[in-house]
Amino acid sequence: MAYRNGVAAKGAVKLDRPVGFRTSSSFKSKLPPSPSPGSALRRSAPSLFGGSASSKDDHGVPGRVRVAVRLRPRNAEESAADADFADCVELQPELKRLKLRKNNWDTDTYEFDEVLTEYASQKRVYEVVAKPVVESVLDGYNGTVMAYGQTGTGKTFTLGRLGEEDTSDRGIMVRSMEDILADISLENDSVSVSYLQLYMETLQDLLDPANDNIPIVEDPKTGDVSVPKATVVDIKDQLSFLELLRVGEAHRIAANTKLNTESSRSHAILMVNVKRCVMGSEDHVSIENGDSSHLTKPSRPLVRKSKLVVVDLAGSERIQKSGSEGHMLEEAKCINLSLSALGKCINSLAENSSHVPFRDSKLTRLLRDSFGGSARTSLIVTIGPSPRHRGETSSTILFGQRAMKVENMLKIKEEFDYKSLSRKLEIQVDMLIAQSERQNKTLQDEVERLNLEAEKRISEVERNFADALEKERRKCQMDYMEAVKKLEEKLVSNQKQDHEGMANGKRSGEEASAVQELLRKETQLRKEAEKEVENLKSQLALFTQSEAGGTAEIVRVHKMLEEEAQHKKKLEEEIVVLRSQLLQLNFEAEQMRSCFDRAGPANGYSSADSSMSSVRHSYPRDVGNGPKAPVSTLFEQVGLQKILSLLESEDANVRIHAVKVVANLAAEETNQKRIVEAGGLTSLLMLLRSFEDETVRRVAAGAIANLAMNEANQEHIMVQGGISLLATTAADADDAQTLRMVAGAIANLCGNDKLQTNLRTEGGIKALLGIVRCGHPDVLSQVARGIANFAKCESRACTQGIKSGRSILIEDGALPWIVQNANDEAAPIRRHIELALCHLAQHEVNAKDMISGGALWELVRISRDCSREDIRTLARRILNSSPTFRAELRRLRIDY
């Protein structure tokens, strides 16, 4: 009898003998029938056996279903019963074809992607059939490996053999999981498995037998099929997977028939879900302030989700041959019906039919992605050699031939892992905060230690100096007292000698001279004492200088404190930048999610991109109790003054990020007054004046354009020289985005009646006309809007009697450009210019210039063809009310 899971019947040949066939994986193109009599050659459309997954565009990669055929060796029963008969098939593996005998003199020839003889090893079967599919699954595509054939031809042996007794007998399920676990990293990636069986059109869980009626759910948008109530087990190693297969195989239903002692009575379906994280390169931003530190800006990580489906179909059988009866007969009917439904679907796909009956069976619903879907599919058809079963063998071969005509469109499935990136940024912010706190604590401890040492040293010096001074003072006093005492004793002695007698006058005179000499010496000693006091005073001065040195040490410590405070300020700036990046990414994630919810996966990315590229970089305001916008959150956490102070940062990246935040804040009308009052407008104008960096100038001009939308801010811009500064920037810039921002700011100023003269004298109008050199439609739209605003203000001033004479626009040479672009293809440009022409034509003093410049023809066109009714009406009224225009139209005989 046939083998099941490696349990071969007596006399069966084991499929573990390798053969040295070539491993080419290319398909052969379809050939015409062979000219040899009695032989027909059938081939399929070209494709690659193990096609590359390098092309990953939005439309997918085409890939045909790959089909291999495997011949089971004769078992003991067939060796005895068919001993006098040759095999019904003849294999030619080197040509990848087989011949099916119709009779003794006629054969049919078929060609497959691979032809595996009865001696092909399990390893070779895996490498040519399943390994390309497993590699595609690891690259992010869905994949399917399926076995089809008559009962008893070795399908379960090929797919589900565990190889417990002989590892070379391991089947495709075991080898696939080995390759998957070897390629992924379980720290970042995950693998989960579900094991099901389809028994009598009921989907049952082989890992949880109580779960015996699992529903199939289809996504109405994408058409993806899932079984959410099936048991899902995370796989950490190969041993746990083998145990899972043992449990599932024990619960699978099998029976003994005449054709197979262990005939599968259900379709087994193994689903392996693989989730992989693909990390991109990282950008490093260096910041220098004495020491160099680095901020890491990680790229957005990708998550690839793919699914490998291994399907062991129950064998087709003829009732009269299998001998099924009773309940087994009902099982056979359900098996044959589901296989028949699968064959119908493959026929429809092979013939490119408009309707494919996937819903006729639960089997076809589960395999919807495998045939005609987005999965890479390999099919192995198993056949037996016995001529008694030639009909079943022929049917199996024809099934494989039809399957080779099915084309799938492979699509990779990946998405951005915003949660992982957010967690990484939060960890980096926490690390920087902890590092800053540790440095501050160390600095404070060092300052306290230095202060204590300085105080101790000063106290010791003061004490030593006081002791030395007191000692010297006492010594001088003692010397002086002794000298005075000696003098007094000598004086008393002399007086006694004078009282005793004056007999010897000469002696007395000599004694007087001696006394005088003694007095002179005492005077000299006194002077020496005074010199000693001066020396002590000099020593006191030296001590004072030493004390000044201690003060210098304190000054040095204070300088170190100031440097550390500056370093702390740099760290705070880095933290502000990281927080803003974190909030920005969270906001982008929410926008991407909302775009997917509104428009579905097909146009989610385009919607998100368009929302981020608008001229006015604004964020949604708070709604109800929902989460606040990222810029408002940053505004509350950091404060306006702190953000404005970052505009003067020495670090270019911090400065650029700060000006972007100010520009986003300026987009909200509620913030504009506070920004101007806090000096934000002055800082932006200073950036526009002093920095040559294109990004800074572009974002600063955009922020000024946002502020210029408020009439109160327009006068502040004019007073601080903003018009001439914008004109200079327009003359120097070449970047289209920068010119669009500058043109938008000037266009907003053109709508203020009080700034008409300043716009001309300070070069605003000339700058606006000079910007047209860019030629970009968005830039030209802003220029046209500015000219329309200026013409409208001029018309209002003339009507009120404030202004007279020709239009400033005509005097500055704007009319030729207006006439040239009056019928522009871009609707915004055309609408603004049509309004500008109508405003200029409202005053008779401009009529002759407009006629000579060709503007009259455009007015006539506007009165006839303009898409807006109000502009058409205004043009007709102007042509009817202007005598100059009416006379010219009569002269030209134009009926308007």
Foldseek 3Di string as FASTA:
>chain_A
DFDALPRGDPAFDDQAAADPADQAFWADAFDAFDPDPQEGEGGAHTDGRLDDPPDFDPQFAKDAAAEEEEEGADGPVLCVVQVVDFFQKADDFNQQKMWGDPDPPHIYIYHHSGYHYNNHWLVSCLVRFPPSQLVVQVVQWAAEEEEAAAWRQQLNQQAPRCQPPHVRSHHNPLVSVVVVLVPADVVAKWKKKFKWWQFLQAIAGLQDRVRTHFDWDADPPQRDIDGVPTDIGIDDDSVVVSVSSVSSVVSFDFDCWLNHHTFGLIKMKMKMKIKHKDFDDWDWDWDDDPDIDIDIDGDWIKIRIYMYIYIYQGRQDDCVNRVDDDPRVSSNVSSVQVVVLVLQQLLCQLVVHPDRPQVSGPVSSNCVCVFQHAGHYYYYYGDYRRPVVSVRRVVSSVSSSSSSSTMYRHHGDMDTDLVVSLVVLVVVLVVLVVVLVVVVVVLVVVLVVLVVVLVVVVVVLVVVLVVVVVVLVVVLVVVLVVLVVVLVVLVVVLVVVVVVDCVPVVVNVVSVVVSVVSVVVSVVVVVVSVVVVVVSVVVVVVSVVVNVVSVVVNVVSVVVVVSSVVVSLVSVLVSLLSLLVSLVSVVLVVQLVVLCVVPNPPCSVVVSVVLCPDLQREDDQDDDPDDGRSLVVSCVVQHPLSLLVQCPDPRPVSNLSSLLSLSHQLLDPVNLVVCVVSCVLVSLLVQLVPDPDPSSLLSSLSSLLSSLLDVVVLVVCVVSPNQLSLLVSLVPDQDPSSLLSSLSSLLSSLLDLVCLVVCVVSVVLVSLVVNCVNVDVSNLLSSLSSLLSNLQSVLVCVVVVNDDAADPCVVSPNLLVLQVCCPPPDPSNVVSSLSNLLSRLQDQRCVVVCVVSVVLVSLVCCLPPPPDPVSVVSSVVSCVPHPVNVVVCVVVVPDD
